[in-house]
C-alpha atoms as a PDB file:
ATOM      1  CA  UNK A   1      -0.099  -0.146   0.019  1.00  0.00           C
ATOM      2  CA  UNK A   2       1.313   3.708  -0.917  1.00  0.00           C
ATOM      3  CA  UNK A   3       1.525   5.700   2.414  1.00  0.00           C
ATOM      4  CA  UNK A   4      -1.359   7.876   2.522  1.00  0.00           C
ATOM      5  CA  UNK A   5       1.490  11.333   2.875  1.00  0.00           C
ATOM      6  CA  UNK A   6       2.780  10.106  -0.220  1.00  0.00           C
ATOM      7  CA  UNK A   7      -0.533   9.858  -2.134  1.00  0.00           C
ATOM      8  CA  UNK A   8      -1.144  13.354  -0.807  1.00  0.00           C
ATOM      9  CA  UNK A   9       2.353  14.714  -2.214  1.00  0.00           C
ATOM     10  CA  UNK A  10       1.648  13.004  -5.448  1.00  0.00           C
ATOM     11  CA  UNK A  11      -1.844  14.382  -6.123  1.00  0.00           C
ATOM     12  CA  UNK A  12      -0.405  18.051  -5.753  1.00  0.00           C
ATOM     13  CA  UNK A  13       2.351  17.289  -8.303  1.00  0.00           C
ATOM     14  CA  UNK A  14      -0.186  15.836 -10.282  1.00  0.00           C
ATOM     15  CA  UNK A  15      -2.587  18.848 -10.356  1.00  0.00           C
ATOM     16  CA  UNK A  16       0.105  21.117 -10.773  1.00  0.00           C
ATOM     17  CA  UNK A  17       1.783  19.707 -13.830  1.00  0.00           C
ATOM     18  CA  UNK A  18       5.027  21.752 -13.164  1.00  0.00           C
ATOM     19  CA  UNK A  19       8.610  20.469 -14.437  1.00  0.00           C
ATOM     20  CA  UNK A  20      10.140  19.739 -17.601  1.00  0.00           C
ATOM     21  CA  UNK A  21       9.737  16.309 -19.003  1.00  0.00           C
ATOM     22  CA  UNK A  22      12.657  16.201 -21.400  1.00  0.00           C
ATOM     23  CA  UNK A  23      15.070  17.321 -18.539  1.00  0.00           C
ATOM     24  CA  UNK A  24      13.265  14.882 -16.169  1.00  0.00           C
ATOM     25  CA  UNK A  25      13.706  12.362 -18.561  1.00  0.00           C
ATOM     26  CA  UNK A  26      17.259  13.098 -19.228  1.00  0.00           C
ATOM     27  CA  UNK A  27      18.044  12.616 -15.658  1.00  0.00           C
ATOM     28  CA  UNK A  28      16.486   9.445 -15.305  1.00  0.00           C
ATOM     29  CA  UNK A  29      18.195   8.265 -18.302  1.00  0.00           C
ATOM     30  CA  UNK A  30      21.862   9.296 -16.028  1.00  0.00           C
ATOM     31  CA  UNK A  31      20.341   7.775 -13.254  1.00  0.00           C
ATOM     32  CA  UNK A  32      16.874   6.505 -11.734  1.00  0.00           C
ATOM     33  CA  UNK A  33      15.736   8.222  -8.585  1.00  0.00           C
ATOM     34  CA  UNK A  34      12.335   8.261  -6.694  1.00  0.00           C
ATOM     35  CA  UNK A  35      11.826  11.645  -7.078  1.00  0.00           C
ATOM     36  CA  UNK A  36      12.302  12.139 -10.768  1.00  0.00           C
ATOM     37  CA  UNK A  37      10.221   9.203 -11.547  1.00  0.00           C
ATOM     38  CA  UNK A  38       7.470  10.920  -9.601  1.00  0.00           C
ATOM     39  CA  UNK A  39       7.428  13.904 -11.117  1.00  0.00           C
ATOM     40  CA  UNK A  40       7.595  12.443 -14.596  1.00  0.00           C
ATOM     41  CA  UNK A  41       4.741  10.329 -13.527  1.00  0.00           C
ATOM     42  CA  UNK A  42       2.834  13.443 -12.042  1.00  0.00           C
ATOM     43  CA  UNK A  43       3.381  15.358 -15.379  1.00  0.00           C
ATOM     44  CA  UNK A  44       1.771  12.327 -17.393  1.00  0.00           C
ATOM     45  CA  UNK A  45      -1.339  12.278 -15.215  1.00  0.00           C
ATOM     46  CA  UNK A  46      -1.735  15.987 -15.077  1.00  0.00           C
ATOM     47  CA  UNK A  47      -2.111  15.278 -18.722  1.00  0.00           C
ATOM     48  CA  UNK A  48      -4.411  12.377 -19.318  1.00  0.00           C
ATOM     49  CA  UNK A  49      -6.496  13.312 -16.481  1.00  0.00           C
ATOM     50  CA  UNK A  50      -6.425  17.494 -16.719  1.00  0.00           C
ATOM     51  CA  UNK A  51      -4.877  18.909 -19.702  1.00  0.00           C
ATOM     52  CA  UNK A  52      -4.525  16.988 -22.479  1.00  0.00           C
ATOM     53  CA  UNK A  53      -3.502  19.695 -24.673  1.00  0.00           C
ATOM     54  CA  UNK A  54      -0.048  18.628 -23.374  1.00  0.00           C
ATOM     55  CA  UNK A  55       0.191  15.379 -24.056  1.00  0.00           C
ATOM     56  CA  UNK A  56       2.337  15.585 -27.332  1.00  0.00           C
ATOM     57  CA  UNK A  57       4.839  17.985 -25.487  1.00  0.00           C
ATOM     58  CA  UNK A  58       5.392  15.716 -22.916  1.00  0.00           C
ATOM     59  CA  UNK A  59       6.148  12.366 -24.331  1.00  0.00           C
ATOM     60  CA  UNK A  60       7.908  14.066 -27.300  1.00  0.00           C
ATOM     61  CA  UNK A  61      10.077  15.522 -24.861  1.00  0.00           C
ATOM     62  CA  UNK A  62      10.149  12.623 -22.434  1.00  0.00           C
ATOM     63  CA  UNK A  63      11.147  10.539 -25.358  1.00  0.00           C
ATOM     64  CA  UNK A  64      13.735  12.546 -26.817  1.00  0.00           C
ATOM     65  CA  UNK A  65      15.323  13.359 -23.472  1.00  0.00           C
ATOM     66  CA  UNK A  66      15.510   8.899 -22.669  1.00  0.00           C
ATOM     67  CA  UNK A  67      16.516   7.941 -25.888  1.00  0.00           C
ATOM     68  CA  UNK A  68      19.418  10.768 -26.486  1.00  0.00           C
ATOM     69  CA  UNK A  69      17.712  13.020 -28.510  1.00  0.00           C
ATOM     70  CA  UNK A  70      17.601  17.200 -28.586  1.00  0.00           C
ATOM     71  CA  UNK A  71      15.115  18.263 -25.655  1.00  0.00           C
ATOM     72  CA  UNK A  72      13.498  21.761 -25.945  1.00  0.00           C
ATOM     73  CA  UNK A  73      11.738  24.149 -23.079  1.00  0.00           C
ATOM     74  CA  UNK A  74       7.848  23.114 -22.377  1.00  0.00           C
ATOM     75  CA  UNK A  75       5.987  25.026 -24.320  1.00  0.00           C
ATOM     76  CA  UNK A  76       3.251  27.533 -22.453  1.00  0.00           C
ATOM     77  CA  UNK A  77       0.056  26.373 -20.662  1.00  0.00           C
ATOM     78  CA  UNK A  78      -2.940  27.894 -22.734  1.00  0.00           C
ATOM     79  CA  UNK A  79      -5.427  26.577 -21.024  1.00  0.00           C
ATOM     80  CA  UNK A  80      -6.274  25.887 -17.398  1.00  0.00           C
ATOM     81  CA  UNK A  81      -6.295  22.226 -16.228  1.00  0.00           C
ATOM     82  CA  UNK A  82      -9.386  20.663 -15.458  1.00  0.00           C
ATOM     83  CA  UNK A  83     -10.446  19.427 -11.816  1.00  0.00           C
ATOM     84  CA  UNK A  84      -9.357  16.345 -10.936  1.00  0.00           C
ATOM     85  CA  UNK A  85     -12.404  15.082  -8.811  1.00  0.00           C
ATOM     86  CA  UNK A  86     -12.055  12.812  -5.164  1.00  0.00           C
ATOM     87  CA  UNK A  87     -13.717  10.061  -6.856  1.00  0.00           C
ATOM     88  CA  UNK A  88     -10.666  10.025  -9.617  1.00  0.00           C
ATOM     89  CA  UNK A  89      -8.305   9.960  -7.370  1.00  0.00           C
ATOM     90  CA  UNK A  90      -9.931   7.000  -4.820  1.00  0.00           C
ATOM     91  CA  UNK A  91     -10.253   4.896  -8.211  1.00  0.00           C
ATOM     92  CA  UNK A  92      -7.005   5.372  -8.974  1.00  0.00           C
ATOM     93  CA  UNK A  93      -5.151   4.809  -5.983  1.00  0.00           C
ATOM     94  CA  UNK A  94      -7.466   1.346  -5.466  1.00  0.00           C
ATOM     95  CA  UNK A  95      -5.816   0.286  -8.858  1.00  0.00           C
ATOM     96  CA  UNK A  96      -2.465   1.028  -7.612  1.00  0.00           C
ATOM     97  CA  UNK A  97      -2.646  -0.884  -5.043  1.00  0.00           C
ATOM     98  CA  UNK A  98      -4.000  -4.102  -6.382  1.00  0.00           C
ATOM     99  CA  UNK A  99      -1.540  -6.648  -5.724  1.00  0.00           C
ATOM    100  CA  UNK A 100       0.606  -7.774  -9.312  1.00  0.00           C
ATOM    101  CA  UNK A 101      -1.249 -10.402 -10.537  1.00  0.00           C
ATOM    102  CA  UNK A 102      -4.740  -8.399 -10.181  1.00  0.00           C
ATOM    103  CA  UNK A 103      -3.531  -5.589 -11.333  1.00  0.00           C
ATOM    104  CA  UNK A 104      -2.675  -7.014 -14.754  1.00  0.00           C
ATOM    105  CA  UNK A 105      -6.013  -8.612 -14.957  1.00  0.00           C
ATOM    106  CA  UNK A 106      -8.285  -5.684 -14.229  1.00  0.00           C
ATOM    107  CA  UNK A 107      -6.055  -3.137 -15.376  1.00  0.00           C
ATOM    108  CA  UNK A 108      -7.984  -2.321 -18.789  1.00  0.00           C
ATOM    109  CA  UNK A 109     -11.330  -2.101 -17.043  1.00  0.00           C
ATOM    110  CA  UNK A 110      -9.995  -0.237 -13.955  1.00  0.00           C
ATOM    111  CA  UNK A 111      -8.790   2.587 -16.392  1.00  0.00           C
ATOM    112  CA  UNK A 112     -11.701   2.398 -18.429  1.00  0.00           C
ATOM    113  CA  UNK A 113     -13.507   3.423 -14.805  1.00  0.00           C
ATOM    114  CA  UNK A 114     -11.041   6.080 -13.979  1.00  0.00           C
ATOM    115  CA  UNK A 115     -12.362   7.954 -17.248  1.00  0.00           C
ATOM    116  CA  UNK A 116     -15.371   7.976 -16.265  1.00  0.00           C
ATOM    117  CA  UNK A 117     -14.414   9.473 -13.093  1.00  0.00           C
ATOM    118  CA  UNK A 118     -12.813  12.168 -15.081  1.00  0.00           C
ATOM    119  CA  UNK A 119     -14.222  16.060 -15.623  1.00  0.00           C
ATOM    120  CA  UNK A 120     -17.172  15.676 -18.595  1.00  0.00           C
ATOM    121  CA  UNK A 121     -15.037  18.390 -20.546  1.00  0.00           C
ATOM    122  CA  UNK A 122     -12.612  15.919 -21.049  1.00  0.00           C
ATOM    123  CA  UNK A 123     -13.953  15.328 -24.373  1.00  0.00           C
ATOM    124  CA  UNK A 124     -14.514  18.513 -25.570  1.00  0.00           C
ATOM    125  CA  UNK A 125     -10.747  19.468 -24.614  1.00  0.00           C
ATOM    126  CA  UNK A 126      -9.811  16.150 -26.268  1.00  0.00           C
ATOM    127  CA  UNK A 127     -10.891  16.879 -29.747  1.00  0.00           C
ATOM    128  CA  UNK A 128      -8.715  18.966 -30.774  1.00  0.00           C
ATOM    129  CA  UNK A 129      -5.812  18.117 -29.518  1.00  0.00           C
ATOM    130  CA  UNK A 130      -6.350  14.552 -31.413  1.00  0.00           C
ATOM    131  CA  UNK A 131      -7.399  16.493 -34.855  1.00  0.00           C
ATOM    132  CA  UNK A 132      -3.550  17.346 -34.811  1.00  0.00           C
ATOM    133  CA  UNK A 133      -2.251  14.213 -35.400  1.00  0.00           C
ATOM    134  CA  UNK A 134      -1.512  12.917 -38.902  1.00  0.00           C
ATOM    135  CA  UNK A 135      -4.527  11.446 -40.782  1.00  0.00           C
ATOM    136  CA  UNK A 136      -6.965  11.950 -37.974  1.00  0.00           C
ATOM    137  CA  UNK A 137      -9.182  14.286 -39.673  1.00  0.00           C
ATOM    138  CA  UNK A 138      -8.818  12.406 -42.985  1.00  0.00           C
ATOM    139  CA  UNK A 139      -9.735   9.226 -41.678  1.00  0.00           C
ATOM    140  CA  UNK A 140     -12.928  10.880 -39.564  1.00  0.00           C
ATOM    141  CA  UNK A 141     -14.524  12.342 -42.108  1.00  0.00           C
ATOM    142  CA  UNK A 142     -15.714   8.789 -43.402  1.00  0.00           C
ATOM    143  CA  UNK A 143     -17.951   6.686 -41.880  1.00  0.00           C
ATOM    144  CA  UNK A 144     -17.050   4.803 -38.654  1.00  0.00           C
ATOM    145  CA  UNK A 145     -15.351   1.558 -39.873  1.00  0.00           C
ATOM    146  CA  UNK A 146     -17.190  -2.156 -39.301  1.00  0.00           C
ATOM    147  CA  UNK A 147     -14.982  -5.058 -38.150  1.00  0.00           C
ATOM    148  CA  UNK A 148     -13.401  -6.820 -40.245  1.00  0.00           C
ATOM    149  CA  UNK A 149     -14.894 -10.118 -41.910  1.00  0.00           C
ATOM    150  CA  UNK A 150     -12.771 -12.924 -40.360  1.00  0.00           C
ATOM    151  CA  UNK A 151     -15.003 -15.468 -42.114  1.00  0.00           C
ATOM    152  CA  UNK A 152     -13.555 -13.879 -45.761  1.00  0.00           C
ATOM    153  CA  UNK A 153     -10.274 -13.788 -44.366  1.00  0.00           C
ATOM    154  CA  UNK A 154     -10.105 -17.567 -44.429  1.00  0.00           C
ATOM    155  CA  UNK A 155      -9.599 -17.852 -47.716  1.00  0.00           C
ATOM    156  CA  UNK A 156      -6.436 -16.352 -48.120  1.00  0.00           C
ATOM    157  CA  UNK A 157      -3.290 -17.894 -47.886  1.00  0.00           C
ATOM    158  CA  UNK A 158      -1.534 -18.951 -44.853  1.00  0.00           C
ATOM    159  CA  UNK A 159       1.350 -16.599 -45.388  1.00  0.00           C
ATOM    160  CA  UNK A 160      -0.762 -13.803 -46.210  1.00  0.00           C
ATOM    161  CA  UNK A 161      -1.908 -10.824 -43.893  1.00  0.00           C
ATOM    162  CA  UNK A 162      -5.362 -11.664 -43.844  1.00  0.00           C
ATOM    163  CA  UNK A 163      -4.863 -15.176 -42.451  1.00  0.00           C
ATOM    164  CA  UNK A 164      -2.595 -14.342 -39.609  1.00  0.00           C
ATOM    165  CA  UNK A 165      -4.636 -11.394 -38.591  1.00  0.00           C
ATOM    166  CA  UNK A 166      -7.877 -14.083 -38.588  1.00  0.00           C
ATOM    167  CA  UNK A 167      -5.321 -16.550 -36.497  1.00  0.00           C
ATOM    168  CA  UNK A 168      -4.203 -14.134 -34.277  1.00  0.00           C
ATOM    169  CA  UNK A 169      -8.067 -12.896 -33.431  1.00  0.00           C
ATOM    170  CA  UNK A 170      -9.267 -16.842 -33.455  1.00  0.00           C
ATOM    171  CA  UNK A 171      -6.342 -17.124 -30.569  1.00  0.00           C
ATOM    172  CA  UNK A 172      -7.771 -14.547 -28.249  1.00  0.00           C
ATOM    173  CA  UNK A 173      -6.554 -10.986 -30.020  1.00  0.00           C
ATOM    174  CA  UNK A 174     -10.262  -9.776 -30.796  1.00  0.00           C
ATOM    175  CA  UNK A 175     -12.453  -7.642 -28.991  1.00  0.00           C
ATOM    176  CA  UNK A 176     -12.972  -8.675 -25.126  1.00  0.00           C
ATOM    177  CA  UNK A 177     -14.751  -7.271 -22.470  1.00  0.00           C
ATOM    178  CA  UNK A 178     -14.484  -5.218 -20.964  1.00  0.00           C
ATOM    179  CA  UNK A 179     -14.344  -3.415 -24.431  1.00  0.00           C
ATOM    180  CA  UNK A 180     -17.557  -4.919 -26.328  1.00  0.00           C
ATOM    181  CA  UNK A 181     -19.869  -3.121 -24.546  1.00  0.00           C
ATOM    182  CA  UNK A 182     -18.609   0.369 -24.711  1.00  0.00           C
ATOM    183  CA  UNK A 183     -18.050   0.432 -28.541  1.00  0.00           C
ATOM    184  CA  UNK A 184     -21.530   1.821 -29.069  1.00  0.00           C
ATOM    185  CA  UNK A 185     -20.924   4.371 -26.560  1.00  0.00           C
ATOM    186  CA  UNK A 186     -17.683   5.578 -27.959  1.00  0.00           C
ATOM    187  CA  UNK A 187     -19.633   6.161 -31.325  1.00  0.00           C
ATOM    188  CA  UNK A 188     -21.505   8.825 -29.571  1.00  0.00           C
ATOM    189  CA  UNK A 189     -18.354  10.459 -28.699  1.00  0.00           C
ATOM    190  CA  UNK A 190     -17.377  14.151 -30.084  1.00  0.00           C
ATOM    191  CA  UNK A 191     -15.627  13.947 -33.449  1.00  0.00           C
ATOM    192  CA  UNK A 192     -13.240  12.723 -34.189  1.00  0.00           C
ATOM    193  CA  UNK A 193     -13.106  10.355 -30.923  1.00  0.00           C
ATOM    194  CA  UNK A 194     -15.829   8.854 -31.846  1.00  0.00           C
ATOM    195  CA  UNK A 195     -13.847   7.559 -34.799  1.00  0.00           C
ATOM    196  CA  UNK A 196     -10.419   6.858 -33.333  1.00  0.00           C
ATOM    197  CA  UNK A 197     -11.507   4.917 -30.418  1.00  0.00           C
ATOM    198  CA  UNK A 198     -13.706   2.803 -32.512  1.00  0.00           C
ATOM    199  CA  UNK A 199     -11.096   2.278 -34.919  1.00  0.00           C
ATOM    200  CA  UNK A 200      -8.530   1.678 -32.256  1.00  0.00           C
ATOM    201  CA  UNK A 201     -10.705  -1.108 -30.616  1.00  0.00           C
ATOM    202  CA  UNK A 202     -11.698  -2.838 -33.815  1.00  0.00           C
ATOM    203  CA  UNK A 203      -8.190  -3.210 -35.389  1.00  0.00           C
ATOM    204  CA  UNK A 204      -5.943  -2.837 -32.012  1.00  0.00           C
ATOM    205  CA  UNK A 205      -4.942  -6.861 -32.887  1.00  0.00           C
ATOM    206  CA  UNK A 206      -3.934  -5.857 -36.679  1.00  0.00           C
ATOM    207  CA  UNK A 207      -1.815  -2.584 -35.798  1.00  0.00           C
ATOM    208  CA  UNK A 208      -0.040  -5.083 -33.151  1.00  0.00           C
ATOM    209  CA  UNK A 209       0.601  -7.477 -35.631  1.00  0.00           C
ATOM    210  CA  UNK A 210       1.663  -5.466 -38.617  1.00  0.00           C
ATOM    211  CA  UNK A 211       3.591  -2.673 -36.467  1.00  0.00           C
ATOM    212  CA  UNK A 212       5.246  -5.656 -34.829  1.00  0.00           C
ATOM    213  CA  UNK A 213       4.329  -5.286 -31.301  1.00  0.00           C
ATOM    214  CA  UNK A 214       3.685  -9.096 -29.488  1.00  0.00           C
ATOM    215  CA  UNK A 215       0.755  -9.677 -26.854  1.00  0.00           C
ATOM    216  CA  UNK A 216       3.395  -9.782 -23.828  1.00  0.00           C
ATOM    217  CA  UNK A 217       2.707  -7.229 -21.201  1.00  0.00           C
ATOM    218  CA  UNK A 218       5.945  -4.841 -21.904  1.00  0.00           C
ATOM    219  CA  UNK A 219       4.869  -4.752 -25.489  1.00  0.00           C
ATOM    220  CA  UNK A 220       1.492  -3.688 -24.353  1.00  0.00           C
ATOM    221  CA  UNK A 221       3.219  -0.636 -22.279  1.00  0.00           C
ATOM    222  CA  UNK A 222       4.768   0.148 -25.541  1.00  0.00           C
ATOM    223  CA  UNK A 223       1.868  -0.041 -27.509  1.00  0.00           C
ATOM    224  CA  UNK A 224       0.464   2.387 -25.668  1.00  0.00           C
ATOM    225  CA  UNK A 225       3.186   4.768 -26.457  1.00  0.00           C
ATOM    226  CA  UNK A 226       2.597   3.969 -29.803  1.00  0.00           C
ATOM    227  CA  UNK A 227      -1.008   4.993 -30.007  1.00  0.00           C
ATOM    228  CA  UNK A 228      -0.827   8.350 -28.465  1.00  0.00           C
ATOM    229  CA  UNK A 229       1.849   9.244 -31.285  1.00  0.00           C
ATOM    230  CA  UNK A 230      -0.140   8.110 -33.940  1.00  0.00           C
ATOM    231  CA  UNK A 231      -3.411   9.462 -32.900  1.00  0.00           C
ATOM    232  CA  UNK A 232      -3.672  11.016 -29.541  1.00  0.00           C
ATOM    233  CA  UNK A 233      -5.045   8.036 -27.834  1.00  0.00           C
ATOM    234  CA  UNK A 234      -6.476   9.022 -24.653  1.00  0.00           C
ATOM    235  CA  UNK A 235      -6.943   5.450 -23.080  1.00  0.00           C
ATOM    236  CA  UNK A 236      -3.576   5.034 -23.904  1.00  0.00           C
ATOM    237  CA  UNK A 237      -2.730   8.342 -22.398  1.00  0.00           C
ATOM    238  CA  UNK A 238      -4.560   6.991 -18.942  1.00  0.00           C
ATOM    239  CA  UNK A 239      -3.154   3.755 -18.921  1.00  0.00           C
ATOM    240  CA  UNK A 240       0.401   4.710 -19.870  1.00  0.00           C
ATOM    241  CA  UNK A 241       0.506   7.872 -16.863  1.00  0.00           C
ATOM    242  CA  UNK A 242      -1.082   4.917 -14.202  1.00  0.00           C
ATOM    243  CA  UNK A 243       1.930   2.361 -15.758  1.00  0.00           C
ATOM    244  CA  UNK A 244       4.488   5.307 -14.524  1.00  0.00           C
ATOM    245  CA  UNK A 245       3.391   6.005 -11.299  1.00  0.00           C
ATOM    246  CA  UNK A 246       3.007   2.686 -10.412  1.00  0.00           C
ATOM    247  CA  UNK A 247       6.620   1.850 -11.169  1.00  0.00           C
ATOM    248  CA  UNK A 248       7.456   5.401  -9.635  1.00  0.00           C
ATOM    249  CA  UNK A 249       5.983   4.054  -6.241  1.00  0.00           C
ATOM    250  CA  UNK A 250       6.699   0.554  -6.248  1.00  0.00           C
ATOM    251  CA  UNK A 251       9.910   0.273  -7.892  1.00  0.00           C
ATOM    252  CA  UNK A 252       9.732  -3.143  -9.605  1.00  0.00           C
ATOM    253  CA  UNK A 253      12.459  -4.749 -11.185  1.00  0.00           C
ATOM    254  CA  UNK A 254      13.245  -3.915 -14.722  1.00  0.00           C
ATOM    255  CA  UNK A 255      11.749  -0.697 -14.581  1.00  0.00           C
ATOM    256  CA  UNK A 256      14.251   0.721 -16.805  1.00  0.00           C
ATOM    257  CA  UNK A 257      12.922  -1.298 -19.534  1.00  0.00           C
ATOM    258  CA  UNK A 258       9.410  -0.190 -18.813  1.00  0.00           C
ATOM    259  CA  UNK A 259      10.476   3.327 -20.046  1.00  0.00           C
ATOM    260  CA  UNK A 260      12.003   2.342 -22.353  1.00  0.00           C
ATOM    261  CA  UNK A 261       9.233   0.130 -23.802  1.00  0.00           C
ATOM    262  CA  UNK A 262       7.256   3.583 -23.401  1.00  0.00           C
ATOM    263  CA  UNK A 263       9.568   6.136 -25.225  1.00  0.00           C
ATOM    264  CA  UNK A 264      10.425   3.669 -27.808  1.00  0.00           C
ATOM    265  CA  UNK A 265       6.829   3.355 -28.191  1.00  0.00           C
ATOM    266  CA  UNK A 266       6.255   7.079 -28.590  1.00  0.00           C
ATOM    267  CA  UNK A 267       9.121   7.266 -31.463  1.00  0.00           C
ATOM    268  CA  UNK A 268       7.818   4.258 -33.226  1.00  0.00           C
ATOM    269  CA  UNK A 269       4.342   5.794 -33.401  1.00  0.00           C
ATOM    270  CA  UNK A 270       5.701   9.157 -34.621  1.00  0.00           C
ATOM    271  CA  UNK A 271       7.750   7.607 -37.226  1.00  0.00           C
ATOM    272  CA  UNK A 272       4.955   5.291 -38.686  1.00  0.00           C
ATOM    273  CA  UNK A 273       2.893   6.218 -41.065  1.00  0.00           C
ATOM    274  CA  UNK A 274      -0.470   6.838 -39.643  1.00  0.00           C
ATOM    275  CA  UNK A 275      -2.652   3.402 -40.227  1.00  0.00           C
ATOM    276  CA  UNK A 276      -5.631   4.838 -39.685  1.00  0.00           C
ATOM    277  CA  UNK A 277      -5.498   6.072 -43.010  1.00  0.00           C
ATOM    278  CA  UNK A 278      -4.386   2.733 -44.225  1.00  0.00           C
ATOM    279  CA  UNK A 279      -7.131   0.696 -46.574  1.00  0.00           C
ATOM    280  CA  UNK A 280      -6.837  -2.848 -45.636  1.00  0.00           C
ATOM    281  CA  UNK A 281      -8.734  -4.258 -48.266  1.00  0.00           C
ATOM    282  CA  UNK A 282      -5.722  -3.786 -50.464  1.00  0.00           C
ATOM    283  CA  UNK A 283      -3.204  -5.767 -48.113  1.00  0.00           C
ATOM    284  CA  UNK A 284      -5.165  -8.881 -46.774  1.00  0.00           C
ATOM    285  CA  UNK A 285      -3.561 -11.422 -49.794  1.00  0.00           C
ATOM    286  CA  UNK A 286       0.152  -9.825 -49.378  1.00  0.00           C
ATOM    287  CA  UNK A 287       2.755 -11.613 -47.036  1.00  0.00           C
ATOM    288  CA  UNK A 288       3.590  -9.284 -43.869  1.00  0.00           C
ATOM    289  CA  UNK A 289       7.213  -8.493 -45.287  1.00  0.00           C
ATOM    290  CA  UNK A 290       5.073  -7.339 -49.075  1.00  0.00           C
ATOM    291  CA  UNK A 291       2.687  -5.308 -46.484  1.00  0.00           C
ATOM    292  CA  UNK A 292       5.320  -3.099 -44.320  1.00  0.00           C
ATOM    293  CA  UNK A 293       7.193  -2.157 -47.232  1.00  0.00           C
ATOM    294  CA  UNK A 294       4.129  -1.138 -49.173  1.00  0.00           C
ATOM    295  CA  UNK A 295       2.423   1.000 -45.821  1.00  0.00           C
ATOM    296  CA  UNK A 296       6.487   2.179 -45.008  1.00  0.00           C
ATOM    297  CA  UNK A 297       6.044   0.424 -41.575  1.00  0.00           C
ATOM    298  CA  UNK A 298       9.060  -0.909 -39.903  1.00  0.00           C
ATOM    299  CA  UNK A 299       8.613  -3.438 -37.231  1.00  0.00           C
ATOM    300  CA  UNK A 300       8.757  -2.021 -33.457  1.00  0.00           C
ATOM    301  CA  UNK A 301      12.269  -3.231 -31.974  1.00  0.00           C
ATOM    302  CA  UNK A 302      11.224  -4.286 -28.834  1.00  0.00           C
ATOM    303  CA  UNK A 303      13.342  -3.558 -25.763  1.00  0.00           C
ATOM    304  CA  UNK A 304      11.568  -6.160 -24.212  1.00  0.00           C
ATOM    305  CA  UNK A 305      12.288  -8.629 -26.089  1.00  0.00           C
ATOM    306  CA  UNK A 306      16.187  -7.539 -26.549  1.00  0.00           C
ATOM    307  CA  UNK A 307      16.180  -8.167 -22.575  1.00  0.00           C
ATOM    308  CA  UNK A 308      14.346 -11.285 -22.366  1.00  0.00           C
ATOM    309  CA  UNK A 309      17.021 -12.589 -25.045  1.00  0.00           C
ATOM    310  CA  UNK A 310      19.891 -11.364 -22.630  1.00  0.00           C
ATOM    311  CA  UNK A 311      18.350 -12.860 -20.143  1.00  0.00           C
ATOM    312  CA  UNK A 312      18.106 -15.992 -21.518  1.00  0.00           C
ATOM    313  CA  UNK A 313      21.817 -15.897 -22.876  1.00  0.00           C
ATOM    314  CA  UNK A 314      22.826 -14.780 -19.597  1.00  0.00           C
ATOM    315  CA  UNK A 315      20.893 -18.077 -17.837  1.00  0.00           C
ATOM    316  CA  UNK A 316      22.339 -20.430 -20.591  1.00  0.00           C
ATOM    317  CA  UNK A 317      26.286 -19.417 -19.963  1.00  0.00           C
ATOM    318  CA  UNK A 318      25.614 -21.219 -16.095  1.00  0.00           C
END
């Protein structure tokens, strides 16, 4: 359990949202400290819960600082942050304090619950943020896409994208609770949030497959960074901020890998052409390498997978 005094101090940091994300990430790269982790997590949660206009600024700068790129001064705030309710904090700390195994099983549903405790003005603030991302305005001008026809994809050869995607869905990569029942609600969100949120839920397995993300927990964390960078995905901002808070306060082993996954996922999302703009019907019959070449997609170089390979290599030496 996180101590009450620590929770109170973190809430104050989050609501203030002060600090320089790039400088914090540079400092963490040189040496991980509890204060640095908490300050960065508080900034991320501030953006997700109260000031979505700052998401890009924070993650772009933090990713640059962590990955050795040039950092920049934070942009000036132009909007007052939204208030964060006591109900949000209560639900947030319940999630953070869950045992690790339970938290991982319940994480997605709990984060959806957190979104429901945000100020009602959050969507109105988030919509113009999403419109700034490449491809979003153009995609949202069309109709909200329906689910892909898995039966039709069975007719494609085994080496094709269509076949691989169908197999991934049949193995459990498709829509699952708590997402199934929220799709109708998402359709009524203000544009372009209605379009991009339904797109993410219905195409997540496909995007993960094509972009090179596994279903392992650390790659899921990286995928959150990727989705934020692709289209300002608000759920991913909230889930990533929660993850940063957990590692800041719980200090699990391998937390540096988690940070690396988040920031490399963001950088990968920035480098990848917008997947929301891709017409997948043109690619179902192609091999994965052909799809990636045609769409300009370089698969994710997972720091989690690299760490697992190093650990296995070390274990086999002894």
